[in-house]
Amino acid sequence: MDPRVAEVNAAMSNYFDGLYRSDVSLLGKVFHPQSLYACATEGTLTHLNMAQYFPIVDKRPSPASRNEPRADKIVSIEFAGPVTAFFHTECAIGQKHFTDFLTFVHLDARWQIISKVFHFDLRNS
């Protein structure tokens, strides 16, 4: 197996666990400090850096605290050379079900998200 797959999957564990627990310390391990966070689902552009995004996560009640079932999964992974990867993932927080496109770079001996562009749908369950 390609060793990059295990390494980037470990980073994805921090991503999914960080979102599920609303744990910015875990998310800080996987997001590059200069990462882009973007969404246009509601008709306007939401564009944040990590200094803006992490406080939002830190303040929201975690899905874990509400005993929500986990709904995170990796749909696909693509690599572009030895230091760039693209993940298509899905997860849920409350009624929001997210499709995330995550671009990773391998810097400082670890895989880090450099961009998160996503869409969400509202669902009753």
N, C-alpha and C. Protein backbone atom coordinates (compact mmCIF):
# COMPACT_ATOMS: atom_id res chain seq x y z
N MET A 1 0.85 -1.18 0.00
CA MET A 1 0.00 0.00 0.00
C MET A 1 0.89 1.25 0.00
N ASP A 2 0.45 2.26 -0.68
CA ASP A 2 1.14 3.53 -0.74
C ASP A 2 1.20 4.12 0.68
N PRO A 3 2.39 4.42 1.21
CA PRO A 3 2.48 4.96 2.58
C PRO A 3 1.77 6.30 2.75
N ARG A 4 1.59 7.04 1.67
CA ARG A 4 0.88 8.32 1.77
C ARG A 4 -0.56 8.11 2.22
N VAL A 5 -1.17 7.02 1.82
CA VAL A 5 -2.58 6.76 2.18
C VAL A 5 -2.73 6.65 3.69
N ALA A 6 -1.89 5.89 4.35
CA ALA A 6 -1.97 5.75 5.81
C ALA A 6 -1.70 7.09 6.50
N GLU A 7 -0.73 7.84 6.00
CA GLU A 7 -0.39 9.13 6.61
C GLU A 7 -1.54 10.13 6.49
N VAL A 8 -2.12 10.24 5.31
CA VAL A 8 -3.18 11.22 5.12
C VAL A 8 -4.48 10.74 5.79
N ASN A 9 -4.68 9.44 5.88
CA ASN A 9 -5.85 8.94 6.63
C ASN A 9 -5.73 9.25 8.12
N ALA A 10 -4.52 9.23 8.65
CA ALA A 10 -4.33 9.63 10.06
C ALA A 10 -4.71 11.09 10.25
N ALA A 11 -4.35 11.93 9.30
CA ALA A 11 -4.74 13.34 9.37
C ALA A 11 -6.26 13.46 9.29
N MET A 12 -6.89 12.64 8.45
CA MET A 12 -8.35 12.68 8.34
C MET A 12 -9.02 12.26 9.64
N SER A 13 -8.42 11.36 10.39
CA SER A 13 -8.98 10.99 11.69
C SER A 13 -9.04 12.20 12.61
N ASN A 14 -7.97 13.01 12.62
CA ASN A 14 -7.99 14.23 13.42
C ASN A 14 -9.07 15.19 12.92
N TYR A 15 -9.24 15.27 11.63
CA TYR A 15 -10.26 16.15 11.05
C TYR A 15 -11.66 15.72 11.50
N PHE A 16 -12.00 14.46 11.27
CA PHE A 16 -13.34 13.99 11.64
C PHE A 16 -13.55 14.03 13.15
N ASP A 17 -12.55 13.61 13.94
CA ASP A 17 -12.69 13.65 15.40
C ASP A 17 -12.81 15.09 15.89
N GLY A 18 -12.02 15.99 15.31
CA GLY A 18 -12.08 17.40 15.70
C GLY A 18 -13.44 18.01 15.44
N LEU A 19 -14.03 17.71 14.29
CA LEU A 19 -15.37 18.23 13.99
C LEU A 19 -16.41 17.61 14.92
N TYR A 20 -16.33 16.30 15.14
CA TYR A 20 -17.31 15.62 15.97
C TYR A 20 -17.26 16.10 17.42
N ARG A 21 -16.08 16.41 17.90
CA ARG A 21 -15.92 16.86 19.29
C ARG A 21 -15.86 18.38 19.43
N SER A 22 -15.91 19.11 18.31
CA SER A 22 -15.69 20.56 18.31
C SER A 22 -14.36 20.89 19.00
N ASP A 23 -13.34 20.15 18.65
CA ASP A 23 -12.03 20.21 19.30
C ASP A 23 -11.03 20.91 18.38
N VAL A 24 -10.78 22.18 18.64
CA VAL A 24 -9.87 22.94 17.78
C VAL A 24 -8.42 22.51 17.94
N SER A 25 -8.07 21.87 19.03
CA SER A 25 -6.69 21.38 19.16
C SER A 25 -6.44 20.25 18.15
N LEU A 26 -7.42 19.39 17.96
CA LEU A 26 -7.29 18.34 16.93
C LEU A 26 -7.31 18.95 15.53
N LEU A 27 -8.20 19.89 15.31
CA LEU A 27 -8.27 20.52 13.99
C LEU A 27 -6.99 21.29 13.69
N GLY A 28 -6.38 21.87 14.71
CA GLY A 28 -5.12 22.59 14.52
C GLY A 28 -3.99 21.68 14.08
N LYS A 29 -4.11 20.39 14.35
CA LYS A 29 -3.09 19.43 13.90
C LYS A 29 -3.22 19.12 12.41
N VAL A 30 -4.40 19.36 11.84
CA VAL A 30 -4.61 18.98 10.45
C VAL A 30 -4.76 20.17 9.50
N PHE A 31 -5.20 21.32 9.99
CA PHE A 31 -5.31 22.50 9.13
C PHE A 31 -4.00 23.28 9.14
N HIS A 32 -3.52 23.63 7.97
CA HIS A 32 -2.38 24.54 7.87
C HIS A 32 -2.85 25.90 8.40
N PRO A 33 -2.00 26.65 9.11
CA PRO A 33 -2.44 27.94 9.65
C PRO A 33 -2.95 28.92 8.58
N GLN A 34 -2.51 28.77 7.35
CA GLN A 34 -2.94 29.67 6.28
C GLN A 34 -4.03 29.06 5.40
N SER A 35 -4.70 28.04 5.91
CA SER A 35 -5.72 27.34 5.15
C SER A 35 -6.91 28.24 4.83
N LEU A 36 -7.56 27.93 3.73
CA LEU A 36 -8.77 28.61 3.28
C LEU A 36 -9.99 27.77 3.62
N TYR A 37 -11.04 28.41 4.12
CA TYR A 37 -12.32 27.77 4.44
C TYR A 37 -13.37 28.53 3.63
N ALA A 38 -14.08 27.83 2.73
CA ALA A 38 -15.00 28.56 1.85
C ALA A 38 -16.26 27.75 1.56
N CYS A 39 -17.37 28.51 1.42
CA CYS A 39 -18.67 27.91 1.11
C CYS A 39 -19.53 28.99 0.44
N ALA A 40 -20.35 28.56 -0.52
CA ALA A 40 -21.30 29.48 -1.17
C ALA A 40 -22.72 28.93 -1.16
N THR A 41 -22.99 27.96 -0.30
CA THR A 41 -24.29 27.28 -0.26
C THR A 41 -25.45 28.26 -0.10
N GLU A 42 -25.29 29.28 0.72
CA GLU A 42 -26.40 30.18 1.02
C GLU A 42 -26.48 31.39 0.08
N GLY A 43 -25.74 31.33 -1.03
CA GLY A 43 -25.83 32.37 -2.04
C GLY A 43 -24.85 33.51 -1.88
N THR A 44 -24.09 33.49 -0.80
CA THR A 44 -23.01 34.46 -0.61
C THR A 44 -21.75 33.67 -0.25
N LEU A 45 -20.61 34.29 -0.43
CA LEU A 45 -19.36 33.61 -0.15
C LEU A 45 -19.01 33.72 1.33
N THR A 46 -18.85 32.58 1.96
CA THR A 46 -18.25 32.52 3.29
C THR A 46 -16.79 32.17 3.05
N HIS A 47 -15.90 33.05 3.50
CA HIS A 47 -14.46 32.88 3.26
C HIS A 47 -13.74 33.24 4.56
N LEU A 48 -13.19 32.22 5.21
CA LEU A 48 -12.56 32.42 6.51
C LEU A 48 -11.13 31.89 6.51
N ASN A 49 -10.33 32.45 7.41
CA ASN A 49 -9.03 31.86 7.70
C ASN A 49 -9.18 31.10 9.02
N MET A 50 -8.14 30.43 9.45
CA MET A 50 -8.25 29.59 10.65
C MET A 50 -8.45 30.42 11.92
N ALA A 51 -7.91 31.62 11.98
CA ALA A 51 -8.13 32.48 13.14
C ALA A 51 -9.60 32.87 13.27
N GLN A 52 -10.33 32.88 12.16
CA GLN A 52 -11.76 33.18 12.18
C GLN A 52 -12.60 31.91 12.37
N TYR A 53 -12.16 30.81 11.79
CA TYR A 53 -12.93 29.57 11.80
C TYR A 53 -12.87 28.84 13.14
N PHE A 54 -11.69 28.71 13.73
CA PHE A 54 -11.56 27.93 14.96
C PHE A 54 -12.42 28.44 16.11
N PRO A 55 -12.56 29.75 16.34
CA PRO A 55 -13.46 30.19 17.42
C PRO A 55 -14.92 29.80 17.20
N ILE A 56 -15.34 29.70 15.94
CA ILE A 56 -16.71 29.26 15.65
C ILE A 56 -16.88 27.81 16.09
N VAL A 57 -15.92 26.98 15.73
CA VAL A 57 -15.97 25.57 16.12
C VAL A 57 -15.92 25.43 17.64
N ASP A 58 -15.05 26.19 18.26
CA ASP A 58 -14.85 26.11 19.71
C ASP A 58 -16.12 26.46 20.49
N LYS A 59 -16.94 27.35 19.95
CA LYS A 59 -18.15 27.81 20.65
C LYS A 59 -19.38 26.94 20.42
N ARG A 60 -19.37 26.14 19.37
CA ARG A 60 -20.59 25.39 19.07
C ARG A 60 -20.64 24.10 19.88
N PRO A 61 -21.85 23.70 20.28
CA PRO A 61 -21.99 22.42 20.96
C PRO A 61 -21.56 21.30 20.01
N SER A 62 -20.79 20.38 20.50
CA SER A 62 -20.27 19.32 19.64
C SER A 62 -21.34 18.28 19.35
N PRO A 63 -21.26 17.65 18.19
CA PRO A 63 -22.15 16.51 17.94
C PRO A 63 -21.98 15.42 19.00
N ALA A 64 -20.76 15.24 19.50
CA ALA A 64 -20.51 14.23 20.54
C ALA A 64 -21.30 14.55 21.81
N SER A 65 -21.36 15.83 22.19
CA SER A 65 -22.07 16.21 23.41
C SER A 65 -23.58 16.00 23.30
N ARG A 66 -24.06 15.92 22.05
CA ARG A 66 -25.49 15.69 21.82
C ARG A 66 -25.76 14.23 21.44
N ASN A 67 -24.74 13.40 21.57
CA ASN A 67 -24.84 11.97 21.23
C ASN A 67 -25.35 11.73 19.82
N GLU A 68 -24.96 12.61 18.88
CA GLU A 68 -25.34 12.42 17.49
C GLU A 68 -24.55 11.25 16.90
N PRO A 69 -25.19 10.45 16.09
CA PRO A 69 -24.42 9.39 15.43
C PRO A 69 -23.42 10.00 14.46
N ARG A 70 -22.27 9.37 14.34
CA ARG A 70 -21.26 9.86 13.41
C ARG A 70 -21.68 9.52 12.00
N ALA A 71 -21.46 10.45 11.10
CA ALA A 71 -21.84 10.26 9.70
C ALA A 71 -20.68 10.65 8.79
N ASP A 72 -19.45 10.53 9.29
CA ASP A 72 -18.32 10.96 8.48
C ASP A 72 -17.78 9.80 7.64
N LYS A 73 -17.40 10.14 6.41
CA LYS A 73 -16.81 9.12 5.55
C LYS A 73 -15.97 9.77 4.47
N ILE A 74 -14.99 9.02 4.03
CA ILE A 74 -14.17 9.42 2.90
C ILE A 74 -14.80 8.82 1.66
N VAL A 75 -15.14 9.67 0.70
CA VAL A 75 -15.74 9.21 -0.54
C VAL A 75 -14.65 8.84 -1.54
N SER A 76 -13.62 9.71 -1.64
CA SER A 76 -12.53 9.42 -2.57
C SER A 76 -11.27 10.19 -2.17
N ILE A 77 -10.14 9.66 -2.64
CA ILE A 77 -8.83 10.28 -2.43
C ILE A 77 -8.12 10.29 -3.78
N GLU A 78 -7.47 11.40 -4.09
CA GLU A 78 -6.62 11.49 -5.27
C GLU A 78 -5.31 12.14 -4.86
N PHE A 79 -4.22 11.66 -5.44
CA PHE A 79 -2.92 12.26 -5.20
C PHE A 79 -2.43 12.93 -6.48
N ALA A 80 -1.79 14.06 -6.33
CA ALA A 80 -1.13 14.77 -7.43
C ALA A 80 0.33 14.89 -7.03
N GLY A 81 1.10 13.88 -7.31
CA GLY A 81 2.50 13.89 -6.92
C GLY A 81 2.67 13.50 -5.47
N PRO A 82 3.87 13.65 -4.95
CA PRO A 82 4.17 13.16 -3.60
C PRO A 82 3.69 14.05 -2.46
N VAL A 83 3.30 15.31 -2.74
CA VAL A 83 2.98 16.22 -1.63
C VAL A 83 1.63 16.91 -1.75
N THR A 84 0.75 16.41 -2.62
CA THR A 84 -0.56 17.03 -2.79
C THR A 84 -1.62 15.93 -2.86
N ALA A 85 -2.70 16.12 -2.10
CA ALA A 85 -3.80 15.15 -2.10
C ALA A 85 -5.12 15.89 -2.07
N PHE A 86 -6.14 15.24 -2.62
CA PHE A 86 -7.49 15.79 -2.65
C PHE A 86 -8.44 14.75 -2.06
N PHE A 87 -9.23 15.17 -1.10
CA PHE A 87 -10.22 14.29 -0.46
C PHE A 87 -11.61 14.83 -0.73
N HIS A 88 -12.51 13.93 -1.09
CA HIS A 88 -13.94 14.21 -1.14
C HIS A 88 -14.51 13.46 0.07
N THR A 89 -15.10 14.19 1.00
CA THR A 89 -15.62 13.58 2.22
C THR A 89 -17.05 14.03 2.48
N GLU A 90 -17.69 13.32 3.41
CA GLU A 90 -19.02 13.70 3.88
C GLU A 90 -19.05 13.59 5.40
N CYS A 91 -19.82 14.47 6.02
CA CYS A 91 -20.03 14.41 7.47
C CYS A 91 -21.29 15.19 7.81
N ALA A 92 -21.69 15.12 9.07
CA ALA A 92 -22.90 15.82 9.50
C ALA A 92 -22.67 16.45 10.87
N ILE A 93 -23.27 17.63 11.04
CA ILE A 93 -23.31 18.30 12.34
C ILE A 93 -24.74 18.80 12.48
N GLY A 94 -25.46 18.21 13.40
CA GLY A 94 -26.87 18.55 13.54
C GLY A 94 -27.62 18.22 12.26
N GLN A 95 -28.43 19.15 11.78
CA GLN A 95 -29.20 18.92 10.56
C GLN A 95 -28.40 19.23 9.30
N LYS A 96 -27.19 19.75 9.45
CA LYS A 96 -26.38 20.06 8.28
C LYS A 96 -25.56 18.84 7.87
N HIS A 97 -25.75 18.44 6.63
CA HIS A 97 -24.98 17.34 6.05
C HIS A 97 -24.04 17.94 5.02
N PHE A 98 -22.76 17.75 5.24
CA PHE A 98 -21.72 18.43 4.47
C PHE A 98 -21.08 17.52 3.44
N THR A 99 -20.78 18.10 2.30
CA THR A 99 -19.88 17.52 1.31
C THR A 99 -18.66 18.43 1.31
N ASP A 100 -17.52 17.88 1.69
CA ASP A 100 -16.29 18.65 1.80
C ASP A 100 -15.31 18.24 0.71
N PHE A 101 -14.69 19.22 0.09
CA PHE A 101 -13.56 19.01 -0.81
C PHE A 101 -12.34 19.57 -0.09
N LEU A 102 -11.45 18.69 0.32
CA LEU A 102 -10.28 19.06 1.12
C LEU A 102 -9.02 18.85 0.30
N THR A 103 -8.21 19.89 0.19
CA THR A 103 -6.93 19.78 -0.48
C THR A 103 -5.84 19.78 0.58
N PHE A 104 -4.99 18.77 0.52
CA PHE A 104 -3.89 18.61 1.47
C PHE A 104 -2.56 18.89 0.79
N VAL A 105 -1.63 19.40 1.58
CA VAL A 105 -0.23 19.50 1.17
C VAL A 105 0.61 18.83 2.25
N HIS A 106 1.73 18.27 1.85
CA HIS A 106 2.64 17.64 2.81
C HIS A 106 3.79 18.60 3.04
N LEU A 107 3.74 19.26 4.20
CA LEU A 107 4.75 20.23 4.61
C LEU A 107 5.14 19.96 6.05
N ASP A 108 6.37 20.29 6.39
CA ASP A 108 6.84 20.14 7.78
C ASP A 108 6.62 18.71 8.28
N ALA A 109 6.82 17.74 7.38
CA ALA A 109 6.77 16.31 7.70
C ALA A 109 5.37 15.82 8.07
N ARG A 110 4.32 16.52 7.61
CA ARG A 110 2.96 16.05 7.89
C ARG A 110 1.99 16.56 6.83
N TRP A 111 0.88 15.85 6.71
CA TRP A 111 -0.19 16.25 5.80
C TRP A 111 -1.07 17.29 6.48
N GLN A 112 -1.36 18.38 5.76
CA GLN A 112 -2.16 19.47 6.30
C GLN A 112 -3.19 19.93 5.27
N ILE A 113 -4.37 20.27 5.74
CA ILE A 113 -5.39 20.82 4.84
C ILE A 113 -5.01 22.25 4.52
N ILE A 114 -4.91 22.55 3.23
CA ILE A 114 -4.62 23.91 2.80
C ILE A 114 -5.89 24.61 2.30
N SER A 115 -6.92 23.80 1.93
CA SER A 115 -8.20 24.41 1.58
C SER A 115 -9.35 23.45 1.87
N LYS A 116 -10.42 24.04 2.36
CA LYS A 116 -11.67 23.31 2.60
C LYS A 116 -12.77 24.10 1.90
N VAL A 117 -13.32 23.52 0.85
CA VAL A 117 -14.44 24.11 0.14
C VAL A 117 -15.59 23.12 0.28
N PHE A 118 -16.74 23.60 0.70
CA PHE A 118 -17.81 22.67 1.04
C PHE A 118 -19.18 23.19 0.67
N HIS A 119 -20.13 22.26 0.67
CA HIS A 119 -21.54 22.52 0.47
C HIS A 119 -22.28 21.79 1.59
N PHE A 120 -23.43 22.32 2.00
CA PHE A 120 -24.24 21.58 2.96
C PHE A 120 -25.70 21.58 2.55
N ASP A 121 -26.37 20.51 2.97
CA ASP A 121 -27.82 20.37 2.83
C ASP A 121 -28.41 20.25 4.22
N LEU A 122 -29.63 20.76 4.39
CA LEU A 122 -30.33 20.59 5.66
C LEU A 122 -31.21 19.35 5.56
N ARG A 123 -31.12 18.50 6.58
CA ARG A 123 -31.92 17.27 6.61
C ARG A 123 -32.57 17.13 7.96
N ASN A 124 -33.67 16.42 8.00
CA ASN A 124 -34.38 16.21 9.27
C ASN A 124 -33.76 15.13 10.12
N SER A 125 -32.96 14.26 9.53
CA SER A 125 -32.37 13.19 10.33
C SER A 125 -30.91 13.03 10.01
